[in-house]
C-alpha atoms as a PDB file:
ATOM      1  CA  UNK A   1     -13.516   2.009  10.544  1.00  0.00           C
ATOM      2  CA  UNK A   2     -11.307   1.230  13.478  1.00  0.00           C
ATOM      3  CA  UNK A   3      -7.729   2.364  13.628  1.00  0.00           C
ATOM      4  CA  UNK A   4      -5.209  -0.064  12.167  1.00  0.00           C
ATOM      5  CA  UNK A   5      -2.132   1.931  13.162  1.00  0.00           C
ATOM      6  CA  UNK A   6      -1.139   4.970  15.119  1.00  0.00           C
ATOM      7  CA  UNK A   7       0.002   7.901  13.016  1.00  0.00           C
ATOM      8  CA  UNK A   8       2.594  10.309  14.336  1.00  0.00           C
ATOM      9  CA  UNK A   9       1.599  13.791  13.219  1.00  0.00           C
ATOM     10  CA  UNK A  10       4.097  16.663  13.182  1.00  0.00           C
ATOM     11  CA  UNK A  11       1.143  19.069  13.045  1.00  0.00           C
ATOM     12  CA  UNK A  12      -2.212  19.184  14.814  1.00  0.00           C
ATOM     13  CA  UNK A  13      -4.862  17.541  12.659  1.00  0.00           C
ATOM     14  CA  UNK A  14      -8.573  16.894  13.040  1.00  0.00           C
ATOM     15  CA  UNK A  15     -10.070  13.470  13.682  1.00  0.00           C
ATOM     16  CA  UNK A  16     -11.348  13.468  10.101  1.00  0.00           C
ATOM     17  CA  UNK A  17      -7.882  14.202   8.719  1.00  0.00           C
ATOM     18  CA  UNK A  18      -6.401  11.490  10.929  1.00  0.00           C
ATOM     19  CA  UNK A  19      -8.937   8.963   9.643  1.00  0.00           C
ATOM     20  CA  UNK A  20      -8.196   9.947   6.030  1.00  0.00           C
ATOM     21  CA  UNK A  21      -4.456   9.685   6.593  1.00  0.00           C
ATOM     22  CA  UNK A  22      -4.878   6.255   8.197  1.00  0.00           C
ATOM     23  CA  UNK A  23      -6.910   5.048   5.215  1.00  0.00           C
ATOM     24  CA  UNK A  24      -4.251   6.252   2.772  1.00  0.00           C
ATOM     25  CA  UNK A  25      -1.584   4.659   4.958  1.00  0.00           C
ATOM     26  CA  UNK A  26      -3.468   1.348   5.047  1.00  0.00           C
ATOM     27  CA  UNK A  27      -3.985   1.264   1.283  1.00  0.00           C
ATOM     28  CA  UNK A  28      -0.343   2.180   0.771  1.00  0.00           C
ATOM     29  CA  UNK A  29       0.826  -0.637   3.036  1.00  0.00           C
ATOM     30  CA  UNK A  30      -1.414  -3.224   1.350  1.00  0.00           C
ATOM     31  CA  UNK A  31      -0.313  -2.213  -2.146  1.00  0.00           C
ATOM     32  CA  UNK A  32       3.397  -1.819  -1.423  1.00  0.00           C
ATOM     33  CA  UNK A  33       3.784  -5.425  -0.300  1.00  0.00           C
ATOM     34  CA  UNK A  34       1.870  -8.414   1.041  1.00  0.00           C
ATOM     35  CA  UNK A  35       0.541  -7.828   4.580  1.00  0.00           C
ATOM     36  CA  UNK A  36       2.385  -9.292   7.544  1.00  0.00           C
ATOM     37  CA  UNK A  37       0.656 -11.562  10.043  1.00  0.00           C
ATOM     38  CA  UNK A  38       0.481  -8.560  12.401  1.00  0.00           C
ATOM     39  CA  UNK A  39      -1.305  -6.454   9.806  1.00  0.00           C
ATOM     40  CA  UNK A  40      -3.691  -9.300   9.022  1.00  0.00           C
ATOM     41  CA  UNK A  41      -4.522  -9.551  12.723  1.00  0.00           C
ATOM     42  CA  UNK A  42      -5.184  -5.815  12.838  1.00  0.00           C
ATOM     43  CA  UNK A  43      -7.376  -5.950   9.743  1.00  0.00           C
ATOM     44  CA  UNK A  44      -9.436  -8.767  11.282  1.00  0.00           C
ATOM     45  CA  UNK A  45     -10.680  -6.260  13.876  1.00  0.00           C
ATOM     46  CA  UNK A  46     -11.996  -3.750  11.317  1.00  0.00           C
ATOM     47  CA  UNK A  47     -15.609  -2.695  11.766  1.00  0.00           C
ATOM     48  CA  UNK A  48     -17.880  -1.032   9.243  1.00  0.00           C
ATOM     49  CA  UNK A  49     -21.241   0.666   8.847  1.00  0.00           C
ATOM     50  CA  UNK A  50     -23.687   0.312   5.958  1.00  0.00           C
ATOM     51  CA  UNK A  51     -21.749   2.608   3.612  1.00  0.00           C
ATOM     52  CA  UNK A  52     -19.729   1.227   0.706  1.00  0.00           C
ATOM     53  CA  UNK A  53     -16.538   1.714   2.696  1.00  0.00           C
ATOM     54  CA  UNK A  54     -18.079   0.059   5.749  1.00  0.00           C
ATOM     55  CA  UNK A  55     -19.225  -2.951   3.766  1.00  0.00           C
ATOM     56  CA  UNK A  56     -15.778  -3.351   2.199  1.00  0.00           C
ATOM     57  CA  UNK A  57     -14.177  -3.047   5.642  1.00  0.00           C
ATOM     58  CA  UNK A  58     -16.318  -5.871   7.016  1.00  0.00           C
ATOM     59  CA  UNK A  59     -15.520  -8.083   4.027  1.00  0.00           C
ATOM     60  CA  UNK A  60     -11.806  -7.355   4.412  1.00  0.00           C
ATOM     61  CA  UNK A  61     -11.943  -8.156   8.141  1.00  0.00           C
ATOM     62  CA  UNK A  62     -13.630 -11.502   7.492  1.00  0.00           C
ATOM     63  CA  UNK A  63     -11.013 -12.472   4.902  1.00  0.00           C
ATOM     64  CA  UNK A  64      -8.097 -11.259   7.032  1.00  0.00           C
ATOM     65  CA  UNK A  65      -9.262 -13.514   9.855  1.00  0.00           C
ATOM     66  CA  UNK A  66      -9.044 -16.669   7.744  1.00  0.00           C
ATOM     67  CA  UNK A  67      -6.233 -15.822   5.296  1.00  0.00           C
ATOM     68  CA  UNK A  68      -2.692 -16.987   6.021  1.00  0.00           C
ATOM     69  CA  UNK A  69       0.356 -14.812   5.296  1.00  0.00           C
ATOM     70  CA  UNK A  70       1.522 -17.445   2.774  1.00  0.00           C
ATOM     71  CA  UNK A  71      -1.784 -17.344   0.887  1.00  0.00           C
ATOM     72  CA  UNK A  72      -1.906 -13.549   0.721  1.00  0.00           C
ATOM     73  CA  UNK A  73       1.756 -13.421  -0.293  1.00  0.00           C
ATOM     74  CA  UNK A  74       0.994 -15.763  -3.200  1.00  0.00           C
ATOM     75  CA  UNK A  75      -2.033 -13.670  -4.179  1.00  0.00           C
ATOM     76  CA  UNK A  76      -0.012 -10.436  -4.036  1.00  0.00           C
ATOM     77  CA  UNK A  77       2.620 -11.926  -6.322  1.00  0.00           C
ATOM     78  CA  UNK A  78       0.018 -13.139  -8.816  1.00  0.00           C
ATOM     79  CA  UNK A  79      -1.651  -9.732  -8.868  1.00  0.00           C
ATOM     80  CA  UNK A  80       1.307  -7.380  -8.965  1.00  0.00           C
ATOM     81  CA  UNK A  81       4.510  -9.293  -9.816  1.00  0.00           C
ATOM     82  CA  UNK A  82       3.853 -12.548 -11.658  1.00  0.00           C
ATOM     83  CA  UNK A  83       6.191 -14.233 -14.117  1.00  0.00           C
ATOM     84  CA  UNK A  84       7.153 -11.326 -16.339  1.00  0.00           C
ATOM     85  CA  UNK A  85       4.320  -9.173 -14.956  1.00  0.00           C
ATOM     86  CA  UNK A  86       1.340  -9.500 -12.671  1.00  0.00           C
ATOM     87  CA  UNK A  87      -2.323  -9.258 -13.551  1.00  0.00           C
ATOM     88  CA  UNK A  88      -2.330  -5.543 -12.727  1.00  0.00           C
ATOM     89  CA  UNK A  89       0.244  -2.777 -13.184  1.00  0.00           C
ATOM     90  CA  UNK A  90      -0.477  -0.248 -10.397  1.00  0.00           C
ATOM     91  CA  UNK A  91       1.319   2.709 -11.973  1.00  0.00           C
ATOM     92  CA  UNK A  92      -0.081   6.069 -13.057  1.00  0.00           C
ATOM     93  CA  UNK A  93       1.993   6.052 -16.256  1.00  0.00           C
ATOM     94  CA  UNK A  94       0.528   2.717 -17.341  1.00  0.00           C
ATOM     95  CA  UNK A  95      -3.068   3.685 -16.579  1.00  0.00           C
ATOM     96  CA  UNK A  96      -2.816   7.096 -18.215  1.00  0.00           C
ATOM     97  CA  UNK A  97      -0.604   6.308 -21.244  1.00  0.00           C
ATOM     98  CA  UNK A  98      -0.512   2.523 -21.607  1.00  0.00           C
ATOM     99  CA  UNK A  99       3.243   2.464 -20.957  1.00  0.00           C
ATOM    100  CA  UNK A 100       5.493   2.496 -17.887  1.00  0.00           C
ATOM    101  CA  UNK A 101       7.849   5.362 -16.965  1.00  0.00           C
ATOM    102  CA  UNK A 102       6.071   7.936 -19.108  1.00  0.00           C
ATOM    103  CA  UNK A 103       5.136  11.615 -18.650  1.00  0.00           C
ATOM    104  CA  UNK A 104       2.942  11.104 -15.537  1.00  0.00           C
ATOM    105  CA  UNK A 105       6.025   9.807 -13.701  1.00  0.00           C
ATOM    106  CA  UNK A 106       8.133  12.783 -14.840  1.00  0.00           C
ATOM    107  CA  UNK A 107       5.402  15.217 -13.750  1.00  0.00           C
ATOM    108  CA  UNK A 108       5.153  13.478 -10.380  1.00  0.00           C
ATOM    109  CA  UNK A 109       8.909  13.615  -9.837  1.00  0.00           C
ATOM    110  CA  UNK A 110       8.884  17.326 -10.597  1.00  0.00           C
ATOM    111  CA  UNK A 111       6.073  17.863  -8.101  1.00  0.00           C
ATOM    112  CA  UNK A 112       7.843  15.835  -5.417  1.00  0.00           C
ATOM    113  CA  UNK A 113      11.017  17.856  -5.916  1.00  0.00           C
ATOM    114  CA  UNK A 114       9.075  21.123  -5.699  1.00  0.00           C
ATOM    115  CA  UNK A 115       7.413  19.937  -2.475  1.00  0.00           C
ATOM    116  CA  UNK A 116      10.705  18.776  -0.958  1.00  0.00           C
ATOM    117  CA  UNK A 117       9.487  15.171  -0.783  1.00  0.00           C
ATOM    118  CA  UNK A 118      12.081  12.405  -1.133  1.00  0.00           C
ATOM    119  CA  UNK A 119      10.825   8.849  -1.512  1.00  0.00           C
ATOM    120  CA  UNK A 120      12.592   6.318   0.715  1.00  0.00           C
ATOM    121  CA  UNK A 121      15.583   4.543  -0.801  1.00  0.00           C
ATOM    122  CA  UNK A 122      13.871   1.273   0.185  1.00  0.00           C
ATOM    123  CA  UNK A 123      11.223   1.873  -2.503  1.00  0.00           C
ATOM    124  CA  UNK A 124      12.391   0.052  -5.628  1.00  0.00           C
ATOM    125  CA  UNK A 125       9.346   0.741  -7.821  1.00  0.00           C
ATOM    126  CA  UNK A 126       8.854   3.979  -9.812  1.00  0.00           C
ATOM    127  CA  UNK A 127       7.274   6.671  -7.659  1.00  0.00           C
ATOM    128  CA  UNK A 128       3.951   6.624  -9.542  1.00  0.00           C
ATOM    129  CA  UNK A 129       3.065   3.262  -7.926  1.00  0.00           C
ATOM    130  CA  UNK A 130      -0.355   3.495  -6.255  1.00  0.00           C
ATOM    131  CA  UNK A 131       1.050   2.286  -2.938  1.00  0.00           C
ATOM    132  CA  UNK A 132       3.680   5.036  -2.913  1.00  0.00           C
ATOM    133  CA  UNK A 133       1.152   7.707  -3.926  1.00  0.00           C
ATOM    134  CA  UNK A 134      -1.156   6.687  -1.067  1.00  0.00           C
ATOM    135  CA  UNK A 135       1.716   6.857   1.415  1.00  0.00           C
ATOM    136  CA  UNK A 136       2.675  10.308   0.121  1.00  0.00           C
ATOM    137  CA  UNK A 137      -0.924  11.528   0.502  1.00  0.00           C
ATOM    138  CA  UNK A 138      -0.919  10.283   4.098  1.00  0.00           C
ATOM    139  CA  UNK A 139       2.313  12.193   4.729  1.00  0.00           C
ATOM    140  CA  UNK A 140       0.961  15.399   3.188  1.00  0.00           C
ATOM    141  CA  UNK A 141      -2.174  15.224   5.353  1.00  0.00           C
ATOM    142  CA  UNK A 142      -0.230  14.661   8.571  1.00  0.00           C
ATOM    143  CA  UNK A 143       2.399  17.291   7.806  1.00  0.00           C
ATOM    144  CA  UNK A 144       5.228  14.774   7.564  1.00  0.00           C
ATOM    145  CA  UNK A 145       6.820  16.744   4.718  1.00  0.00           C
ATOM    146  CA  UNK A 146       8.054  20.322   4.597  1.00  0.00           C
ATOM    147  CA  UNK A 147       5.503  21.332   1.953  1.00  0.00           C
ATOM    148  CA  UNK A 148       2.111  22.867   2.763  1.00  0.00           C
ATOM    149  CA  UNK A 149      -0.273  20.303   4.201  1.00  0.00           C
ATOM    150  CA  UNK A 150      -3.526  22.246   4.073  1.00  0.00           C
ATOM    151  CA  UNK A 151      -6.533  21.126   2.037  1.00  0.00           C
ATOM    152  CA  UNK A 152      -5.504  23.099  -1.035  1.00  0.00           C
ATOM    153  CA  UNK A 153      -2.126  21.342  -1.076  1.00  0.00           C
ATOM    154  CA  UNK A 154      -3.787  17.951  -0.595  1.00  0.00           C
ATOM    155  CA  UNK A 155      -6.274  18.708  -3.373  1.00  0.00           C
ATOM    156  CA  UNK A 156      -3.527  19.789  -5.762  1.00  0.00           C
ATOM    157  CA  UNK A 157      -1.638  16.526  -5.256  1.00  0.00           C
ATOM    158  CA  UNK A 158      -4.782  14.403  -5.502  1.00  0.00           C
ATOM    159  CA  UNK A 159      -6.003  16.147  -8.656  1.00  0.00           C
ATOM    160  CA  UNK A 160      -2.606  15.906 -10.341  1.00  0.00           C
ATOM    161  CA  UNK A 161      -1.646  12.338  -9.490  1.00  0.00           C
ATOM    162  CA  UNK A 162      -4.661  10.296  -8.327  1.00  0.00           C
ATOM    163  CA  UNK A 163      -7.963  11.717  -9.573  1.00  0.00           C
ATOM    164  CA  UNK A 164      -7.630  10.528 -13.174  1.00  0.00           C
ATOM    165  CA  UNK A 165      -6.919   6.857 -12.469  1.00  0.00           C
ATOM    166  CA  UNK A 166      -7.218   5.828  -8.810  1.00  0.00           C
ATOM    167  CA  UNK A 167     -10.877   4.780  -8.889  1.00  0.00           C
ATOM    168  CA  UNK A 168     -10.313   2.849 -12.138  1.00  0.00           C
ATOM    169  CA  UNK A 169      -7.326   1.003 -10.694  1.00  0.00           C
ATOM    170  CA  UNK A 170      -9.212   0.016  -7.551  1.00  0.00           C
ATOM    171  CA  UNK A 171     -12.169  -1.113  -9.662  1.00  0.00           C
ATOM    172  CA  UNK A 172      -9.787  -3.313 -11.665  1.00  0.00           C
ATOM    173  CA  UNK A 173      -8.370  -4.700  -8.408  1.00  0.00           C
ATOM    174  CA  UNK A 174     -11.869  -5.364  -7.113  1.00  0.00           C
ATOM    175  CA  UNK A 175     -12.629  -7.418 -10.245  1.00  0.00           C
ATOM    176  CA  UNK A 176      -9.232  -9.039 -10.830  1.00  0.00           C
ATOM    177  CA  UNK A 177      -9.359 -12.763 -11.594  1.00  0.00           C
ATOM    178  CA  UNK A 178      -6.723 -13.669  -9.011  1.00  0.00           C
ATOM    179  CA  UNK A 179      -8.050 -11.323  -6.293  1.00  0.00           C
ATOM    180  CA  UNK A 180      -9.624 -12.928  -3.216  1.00  0.00           C
ATOM    181  CA  UNK A 181      -8.232 -11.088  -0.194  1.00  0.00           C
ATOM    182  CA  UNK A 182      -7.498  -8.094  -2.414  1.00  0.00           C
ATOM    183  CA  UNK A 183     -11.025  -7.881  -3.878  1.00  0.00           C
ATOM    184  CA  UNK A 184     -12.395  -5.978  -0.832  1.00  0.00           C
ATOM    185  CA  UNK A 185      -9.166  -3.936  -0.786  1.00  0.00           C
ATOM    186  CA  UNK A 186     -10.222  -2.833  -4.271  1.00  0.00           C
ATOM    187  CA  UNK A 187     -13.758  -2.107  -3.069  1.00  0.00           C
ATOM    188  CA  UNK A 188     -12.460  -0.121  -0.112  1.00  0.00           C
ATOM    189  CA  UNK A 189     -10.003   1.848  -2.243  1.00  0.00           C
ATOM    190  CA  UNK A 190     -12.591   2.613  -4.914  1.00  0.00           C
ATOM    191  CA  UNK A 191     -15.156   3.844  -2.385  1.00  0.00           C
ATOM    192  CA  UNK A 192     -12.559   5.921  -0.535  1.00  0.00           C
ATOM    193  CA  UNK A 193     -11.230   7.552  -3.696  1.00  0.00           C
ATOM    194  CA  UNK A 194     -14.778   8.431  -4.752  1.00  0.00           C
ATOM    195  CA  UNK A 195     -15.398  10.063  -1.358  1.00  0.00           C
ATOM    196  CA  UNK A 196     -12.122  11.966  -1.612  1.00  0.00           C
ATOM    197  CA  UNK A 197     -12.901  13.170  -5.150  1.00  0.00           C
ATOM    198  CA  UNK A 198     -16.342  14.387  -4.099  1.00  0.00           C
ATOM    199  CA  UNK A 199     -14.952  16.178  -1.047  1.00  0.00           C
ATOM    200  CA  UNK A 200     -12.161  17.867  -2.986  1.00  0.00           C
ATOM    201  CA  UNK A 201     -14.642  18.936  -5.697  1.00  0.00           C
ATOM    202  CA  UNK A 202     -16.376  21.044  -3.041  1.00  0.00           C
ATOM    203  CA  UNK A 203     -13.169  22.903  -2.150  1.00  0.00           C
END
């Protein structure tokens, strides 16, 4: 993977942590709204090895190079907004209970309060949106928030709010009927979440 954005880190982090934070930040940006032309240009320069994440990165780069902002905006709306609702509902409550705004959201809000994390007022969706959760994970890794940012703190947040549904959501995105540009985003997210789960299981 090549860097898609520079991350400002309040604390000193390793290259591995920086790469993880950048991946969470990228997934968060792609899921929180359709990518800008600048982000598409950055994605077009992604490189990848022969791993599952590398393969998905190459596929995403190829699509980013030939996808217009208007096309990806239309795809994003079909996937996540739609008329009434999109093809997918990227919320923990929905994936874990079948309904929106349920217990997983209340548990998350309690955890965020305990950690001193306040979601930006610009975020209109409930906090258990996958894009928001990825952005929060990036912030925990980099030490953006006042809470502990060590591996145990990262693992606790991942286990509580991502482990039970993240890979399933990204698999659904990978296979979604209206997903073209977002299909490799699903592949990349699924592979990354599987790597994260395996790494945290060793902690």
